[in-house]
PDB file of all heavy atoms in Angstrom:
ATOM      1  N   ARG A   1      -0.694  17.760  21.713  1.00  0.00           N
ATOM      2  CA  ARG A   1      -1.766  16.668  21.858  1.00  0.00           C
ATOM      3  C   ARG A   1      -1.507  15.623  20.717  1.00  0.00           C
ATOM      4  O   ARG A   1      -2.062  14.486  20.938  1.00  0.00           O
ATOM      5  CB  ARG A   1      -3.085  17.414  21.603  1.00  0.00           C
ATOM      6  CG  ARG A   1      -3.436  18.392  22.678  1.00  0.00           C
ATOM      7  CD  ARG A   1      -4.848  19.106  22.453  1.00  0.00           C
ATOM      8  NE  ARG A   1      -5.110  20.004  23.509  1.00  0.00           N
ATOM      9  CZ  ARG A   1      -6.327  20.685  23.511  1.00  0.00           C
ATOM     10  NH1 ARG A   1      -7.114  20.645  22.436  1.00  0.00           N
ATOM     11  NH2 ARG A   1      -6.574  21.477  24.505  1.00  0.00           N
ATOM     12  N   ILE A   2      -0.782  15.856  19.645  1.00  0.00           N
ATOM     13  CA  ILE A   2      -0.487  14.945  18.743  1.00  0.00           C
ATOM     14  C   ILE A   2       0.564  13.930  19.250  1.00  0.00           C
ATOM     15  O   ILE A   2       1.480  14.337  19.972  1.00  0.00           O
ATOM     16  CB  ILE A   2      -0.008  15.603  17.425  1.00  0.00           C
ATOM     17  CG1 ILE A   2      -1.109  16.439  16.871  1.00  0.00           C
ATOM     18  CG2 ILE A   2       0.370  14.493  16.341  1.00  0.00           C
ATOM     19  CD1 ILE A   2      -0.628  17.194  15.592  1.00  0.00           C
ATOM     20  N   ASN A   3       0.446  12.675  18.862  1.00  0.00           N
ATOM     21  CA  ASN A   3       1.357  11.694  19.335  1.00  0.00           C
ATOM     22  C   ASN A   3       2.820  12.081  19.103  1.00  0.00           C
ATOM     23  O   ASN A   3       3.170  12.476  18.031  1.00  0.00           O
ATOM     24  CB  ASN A   3       1.089  10.342  18.596  1.00  0.00           C
ATOM     25  CG  ASN A   3       1.718   9.240  19.270  1.00  0.00           C
ATOM     26  OD1 ASN A   3       2.766   9.313  19.783  1.00  0.00           O
ATOM     27  ND2 ASN A   3       1.102   8.031  19.273  1.00  0.00           N
ATOM     28  N   GLN A   4       3.676  11.928  20.202  1.00  0.00           N
ATOM     29  CA  GLN A   4       5.058  12.426  20.049  1.00  0.00           C
ATOM     30  C   GLN A   4       5.783  11.499  19.073  1.00  0.00           C
ATOM     31  O   GLN A   4       6.718  12.001  18.478  1.00  0.00           O
ATOM     32  CB  GLN A   4       5.723  12.133  21.411  1.00  0.00           C
ATOM     33  CG  GLN A   4       5.094  12.959  22.558  1.00  0.00           C
ATOM     34  CD  GLN A   4       5.252  14.425  22.310  1.00  0.00           C
ATOM     35  OE1 GLN A   4       6.314  15.001  22.446  1.00  0.00           O
ATOM     36  NE2 GLN A   4       4.200  15.117  22.013  1.00  0.00           N
ATOM     37  N   VAL A   5       5.343  10.189  18.774  1.00  0.00           N
ATOM     38  CA  VAL A   5       5.999   9.479  17.719  1.00  0.00           C
ATOM     39  C   VAL A   5       5.937  10.128  16.357  1.00  0.00           C
ATOM     40  O   VAL A   5       6.868   9.991  15.603  1.00  0.00           O
ATOM     41  CB  VAL A   5       5.360   8.064  17.727  1.00  0.00           C
ATOM     42  CG1 VAL A   5       6.053   7.197  16.593  1.00  0.00           C
ATOM     43  CG2 VAL A   5       5.527   7.312  19.078  1.00  0.00           C
ATOM     44  N   PHE A   6       4.811  10.723  16.149  1.00  0.00           N
ATOM     45  CA  PHE A   6       4.602  11.423  14.829  1.00  0.00           C
ATOM     46  C   PHE A   6       5.656  12.511  14.682  1.00  0.00           C
ATOM     47  O   PHE A   6       6.299  12.675  13.581  1.00  0.00           O
ATOM     48  CB  PHE A   6       3.292  11.960  14.765  1.00  0.00           C
ATOM     49  CG  PHE A   6       2.976  12.846  13.544  1.00  0.00           C
ATOM     50  CD1 PHE A   6       2.786  12.302  12.263  1.00  0.00           C
ATOM     51  CD2 PHE A   6       3.024  14.296  13.630  1.00  0.00           C
ATOM     52  CE1 PHE A   6       2.578  13.095  11.135  1.00  0.00           C
ATOM     53  CE2 PHE A   6       2.698  15.055  12.560  1.00  0.00           C
ATOM     54  CZ  PHE A   6       2.552  14.453  11.286  1.00  0.00           C
ATOM     55  N   TYR A   7       5.812  13.340  15.636  1.00  0.00           N
ATOM     56  CA  TYR A   7       6.851  14.391  15.567  1.00  0.00           C
ATOM     57  C   TYR A   7       8.199  13.817  15.443  1.00  0.00           C
ATOM     58  O   TYR A   7       9.131  14.330  14.679  1.00  0.00           O
ATOM     59  CB  TYR A   7       6.728  15.230  16.872  1.00  0.00           C
ATOM     60  CG  TYR A   7       5.626  16.214  16.946  1.00  0.00           C
ATOM     61  CD1 TYR A   7       4.634  15.928  17.777  1.00  0.00           C
ATOM     62  CD2 TYR A   7       5.626  17.335  16.147  1.00  0.00           C
ATOM     63  CE1 TYR A   7       3.462  16.824  17.786  1.00  0.00           C
ATOM     64  CE2 TYR A   7       4.581  18.259  16.227  1.00  0.00           C
ATOM     65  CZ  TYR A   7       3.477  18.032  17.016  1.00  0.00           C
ATOM     66  OH  TYR A   7       2.481  18.923  17.099  1.00  0.00           O
ATOM     67  N   GLY A   8       8.593  12.702  16.164  1.00  0.00           N
ATOM     68  CA  GLY A   8       9.810  12.052  16.064  1.00  0.00           C
ATOM     69  C   GLY A   8      10.097  11.601  14.768  1.00  0.00           C
ATOM     70  O   GLY A   8      11.189  11.697  14.214  1.00  0.00           O
ATOM     71  N   PHE A   9       9.033  10.975  14.043  1.00  0.00           N
ATOM     72  CA  PHE A   9       9.219  10.507  12.679  1.00  0.00           C
ATOM     73  C   PHE A   9       9.496  11.601  11.733  1.00  0.00           C
ATOM     74  O   PHE A   9      10.346  11.467  10.837  1.00  0.00           O
ATOM     75  CB  PHE A   9       7.925   9.735  12.284  1.00  0.00           C
ATOM     76  CG  PHE A   9       7.924   9.258  10.854  1.00  0.00           C
ATOM     77  CD1 PHE A   9       8.708   8.074  10.436  1.00  0.00           C
ATOM     78  CD2 PHE A   9       7.255   9.956   9.893  1.00  0.00           C
ATOM     79  CE1 PHE A   9       8.724   7.755   9.107  1.00  0.00           C
ATOM     80  CE2 PHE A   9       7.346   9.592   8.628  1.00  0.00           C
ATOM     81  CZ  PHE A   9       7.989   8.446   8.156  1.00  0.00           C
ATOM     82  N   ILE A  10       8.789  12.752  11.843  1.00  0.00           N
ATOM     83  CA  ILE A  10       9.108  13.854  10.956  1.00  0.00           C
ATOM     84  C   ILE A  10      10.458  14.427  11.163  1.00  0.00           C
ATOM     85  O   ILE A  10      11.135  14.801  10.185  1.00  0.00           O
ATOM     86  CB  ILE A  10       7.997  14.943  11.280  1.00  0.00           C
ATOM     87  CG1 ILE A  10       6.618  14.462  10.903  1.00  0.00           C
ATOM     88  CG2 ILE A  10       8.343  16.187  10.392  1.00  0.00           C
ATOM     89  CD1 ILE A  10       6.398  14.096   9.410  1.00  0.00           C
ATOM     90  N   LEU A  11      10.947  14.425  12.390  1.00  0.00           N
ATOM     91  CA  LEU A  11      12.302  14.899  12.711  1.00  0.00           C
ATOM     92  C   LEU A  11      13.344  13.988  11.975  1.00  0.00           C
ATOM     93  O   LEU A  11      14.299  14.462  11.420  1.00  0.00           O
ATOM     94  CB  LEU A  11      12.574  15.000  14.163  1.00  0.00           C
ATOM     95  CG  LEU A  11      12.151  16.291  14.880  1.00  0.00           C
ATOM     96  CD1 LEU A  11      12.417  16.133  16.332  1.00  0.00           C
ATOM     97  CD2 LEU A  11      12.822  17.480  14.265  1.00  0.00           C
ATOM     98  N   ALA A  12      13.092  12.760  12.187  1.00  0.00           N
ATOM     99  CA  ALA A  12      14.053  11.763  11.462  1.00  0.00           C
ATOM    100  C   ALA A  12      14.072  11.929   9.967  1.00  0.00           C
ATOM    101  O   ALA A  12      15.212  11.900   9.360  1.00  0.00           O
ATOM    102  CB  ALA A  12      13.658  10.349  11.820  1.00  0.00           C
ATOM    103  N   LEU A  13      12.931  12.204   9.432  1.00  0.00           N
ATOM    104  CA  LEU A  13      12.877  12.507   7.947  1.00  0.00           C
ATOM    105  C   LEU A  13      13.553  13.711   7.603  1.00  0.00           C
ATOM    106  O   LEU A  13      14.271  13.799   6.590  1.00  0.00           O
ATOM    107  CB  LEU A  13      11.349  12.623   7.551  1.00  0.00           C
ATOM    108  CG  LEU A  13      11.032  12.579   6.036  1.00  0.00           C
ATOM    109  CD1 LEU A  13      11.482  11.278   5.500  1.00  0.00           C
ATOM    110  CD2 LEU A  13       9.532  12.730   5.911  1.00  0.00           C
ATOM    111  N   ILE A  14      13.418  14.768   8.408  1.00  0.00           N
ATOM    112  CA  ILE A  14      14.173  16.005   8.201  1.00  0.00           C
ATOM    113  C   ILE A  14      15.639  15.783   8.206  1.00  0.00           C
ATOM    114  O   ILE A  14      16.323  16.265   7.315  1.00  0.00           O
ATOM    115  CB  ILE A  14      13.762  17.025   9.211  1.00  0.00           C
ATOM    116  CG1 ILE A  14      12.209  17.516   9.026  1.00  0.00           C
ATOM    117  CG2 ILE A  14      14.613  18.262   9.176  1.00  0.00           C
ATOM    118  CD1 ILE A  14      11.689  18.477  10.030  1.00  0.00           C
ATOM    119  N   TYR A  15      16.155  15.065   9.229  1.00  0.00           N
ATOM    120  CA  TYR A  15      17.617  14.825   9.235  1.00  0.00           C
ATOM    121  C   TYR A  15      18.044  14.054   8.081  1.00  0.00           C
ATOM    122  O   TYR A  15      19.156  14.228   7.561  1.00  0.00           O
ATOM    123  CB  TYR A  15      17.932  14.084  10.545  1.00  0.00           C
ATOM    124  CG  TYR A  15      17.873  14.913  11.795  1.00  0.00           C
ATOM    125  CD1 TYR A  15      17.076  14.662  12.861  1.00  0.00           C
ATOM    126  CD2 TYR A  15      18.681  16.140  11.876  1.00  0.00           C
ATOM    127  CE1 TYR A  15      17.039  15.396  13.999  1.00  0.00           C
ATOM    128  CE2 TYR A  15      18.590  16.895  12.975  1.00  0.00           C
ATOM    129  CZ  TYR A  15      17.796  16.571  14.090  1.00  0.00           C
ATOM    130  OH  TYR A  15      17.803  17.403  15.231  1.00  0.00           O
ATOM    131  N   SER A  16      17.206  13.043   7.584  1.00  0.00           N
ATOM    132  CA  SER A  16      17.657  12.288   6.456  1.00  0.00           C
ATOM    133  C   SER A  16      17.701  13.156   5.147  1.00  0.00           C
ATOM    134  O   SER A  16      18.601  13.017   4.344  1.00  0.00           O
ATOM    135  CB  SER A  16      16.623  11.141   6.175  1.00  0.00           C
ATOM    136  OG  SER A  16      15.418  11.594   5.745  1.00  0.00           O
ATOM    137  N   MET A  17      16.796  14.170   5.029  1.00  0.00           N
ATOM    138  CA  MET A  17      16.876  15.013   3.899  1.00  0.00           C
ATOM    139  C   MET A  17      17.958  16.012   4.012  1.00  0.00           C
ATOM    140  O   MET A  17      18.619  16.395   2.954  1.00  0.00           O
ATOM    141  CB  MET A  17      15.453  15.885   3.874  1.00  0.00           C
ATOM    142  CG  MET A  17      14.309  15.076   3.479  1.00  0.00           C
ATOM    143  SD  MET A  17      12.764  15.886   3.489  1.00  0.00           S
ATOM    144  CE  MET A  17      11.690  14.697   2.979  1.00  0.00           C
ATOM    145  N   LYS A  18      18.375  16.345   5.289  1.00  0.00           N
ATOM    146  CA  LYS A  18      19.609  17.198   5.398  1.00  0.00           C
ATOM    147  C   LYS A  18      20.761  16.466   4.936  1.00  0.00           C
ATOM    148  O   LYS A  18      21.727  16.921   4.309  1.00  0.00           O
ATOM    149  CB  LYS A  18      19.629  17.634   6.846  1.00  0.00           C
ATOM    150  CG  LYS A  18      20.958  18.430   7.172  1.00  0.00           C
ATOM    151  CD  LYS A  18      21.051  18.564   8.659  1.00  0.00           C
ATOM    152  CE  LYS A  18      22.475  19.099   8.934  1.00  0.00           C
ATOM    153  NZ  LYS A  18      22.674  19.127  10.498  1.00  0.00           N
ATOM    154  N   PHE A  19      20.865  15.211   5.342  1.00  0.00           N
ATOM    155  CA  PHE A  19      21.926  14.324   4.841  1.00  0.00           C
ATOM    156  C   PHE A  19      22.031  14.381   3.262  1.00  0.00           C
ATOM    157  O   PHE A  19      23.103  14.423   2.720  1.00  0.00           O
ATOM    158  CB  PHE A  19      21.760  12.890   5.341  1.00  0.00           C
ATOM    159  CG  PHE A  19      22.773  11.964   4.878  1.00  0.00           C
ATOM    160  CD1 PHE A  19      23.820  11.627   5.711  1.00  0.00           C
ATOM    161  CD2 PHE A  19      22.609  11.314   3.706  1.00  0.00           C
ATOM    162  CE1 PHE A  19      24.656  10.651   5.301  1.00  0.00           C
ATOM    163  CE2 PHE A  19      23.490  10.347   3.205  1.00  0.00           C
ATOM    164  CZ  PHE A  19      24.626  10.040   4.101  1.00  0.00           C
ATOM    165  N   THR A  20      20.897  14.198   2.750  1.00  0.00           N
ATOM    166  CA  THR A  20      20.864  14.285   1.186  1.00  0.00           C
ATOM    167  C   THR A  20      21.321  15.611   0.582  1.00  0.00           C
ATOM    168  O   THR A  20      22.107  15.639  -0.371  1.00  0.00           O
ATOM    169  CB  THR A  20      19.439  13.969   0.729  1.00  0.00           C
ATOM    170  OG1 THR A  20      18.937  12.817   1.292  1.00  0.00           O
ATOM    171  CG2 THR A  20      19.297  13.958  -0.823  1.00  0.00           C
ATOM    172  N   VAL A  21      20.877  16.732   1.266  1.00  0.00           N
ATOM    173  CA  VAL A  21      21.313  17.947   0.749  1.00  0.00           C
ATOM    174  C   VAL A  21      22.785  18.163   0.779  1.00  0.00           C
ATOM    175  O   VAL A  21      23.539  18.592  -0.100  1.00  0.00           O
ATOM    176  CB  VAL A  21      20.599  19.138   1.582  1.00  0.00           C
ATOM    177  CG1 VAL A  21      21.192  20.504   1.203  1.00  0.00           C
ATOM    178  CG2 VAL A  21      19.132  19.130   1.220  1.00  0.00           C
ATOM    179  N   MET A  22      23.397  17.721   1.989  1.00  0.00           N
ATOM    180  CA  MET A  22      24.812  17.901   2.204  1.00  0.00           C
ATOM    181  C   MET A  22      25.688  17.150   1.248  1.00  0.00           C
ATOM    182  O   MET A  22      26.573  17.542   0.626  1.00  0.00           O
ATOM    183  CB  MET A  22      25.283  17.442   3.705  1.00  0.00           C
ATOM    184  CG  MET A  22      24.497  18.282   4.778  1.00  0.00           C
ATOM    185  SD  MET A  22      24.863  20.076   4.759  1.00  0.00           S
ATOM    186  CE  MET A  22      23.457  20.696   4.031  1.00  0.00           C
ATOM    187  N   TRP A  23      25.242  15.811   0.917  1.00  0.00           N
ATOM    188  CA  TRP A  23      26.031  14.919   0.159  1.00  0.00           C
ATOM    189  C   TRP A  23      25.812  15.248  -1.321  1.00  0.00           C
ATOM    190  O   TRP A  23      26.688  15.147  -2.216  1.00  0.00           O
ATOM    191  CB  TRP A  23      25.700  13.481   0.486  1.00  0.00           C
ATOM    192  CG  TRP A  23      26.435  12.906   1.575  1.00  0.00           C
ATOM    193  CD1 TRP A  23      26.087  12.763   2.874  1.00  0.00           C
ATOM    194  CD2 TRP A  23      27.850  12.580   1.486  1.00  0.00           C
ATOM    195  NE1 TRP A  23      27.137  12.271   3.600  1.00  0.00           N
ATOM    196  CE2 TRP A  23      28.276  12.168   2.776  1.00  0.00           C
ATOM    197  CE3 TRP A  23      28.814  12.549   0.444  1.00  0.00           C
ATOM    198  CZ2 TRP A  23      29.591  11.706   3.154  1.00  0.00           C
ATOM    199  CZ3 TRP A  23      30.096  12.202   0.800  1.00  0.00           C
ATOM    200  CH2 TRP A  23      30.486  11.808   2.044  1.00  0.00           C
ATOM    201  N   ASP A  24      24.546  15.736  -1.703  1.00  0.00           N
ATOM    202  CA  ASP A  24      24.426  16.233  -3.060  1.00  0.00           C
ATOM    203  C   ASP A  24      25.274  17.362  -3.400  1.00  0.00           C
ATOM    204  O   ASP A  24      25.830  17.552  -4.541  1.00  0.00           O
ATOM    205  CB  ASP A  24      22.855  16.585  -3.342  1.00  0.00           C
ATOM    206  CG  ASP A  24      22.061  15.412  -3.525  1.00  0.00           C
ATOM    207  OD1 ASP A  24      22.565  14.300  -3.764  1.00  0.00           O
ATOM    208  OD2 ASP A  24      20.780  15.473  -3.586  1.00  0.00           O
TER     209      ASP A  24
END
């Protein structure tokens, strides 16, 4: 029921944090 854009934004944020973990 929650807007799909919200879920998509959270997923993009998760992938960016994964990028940070890998490079750190």
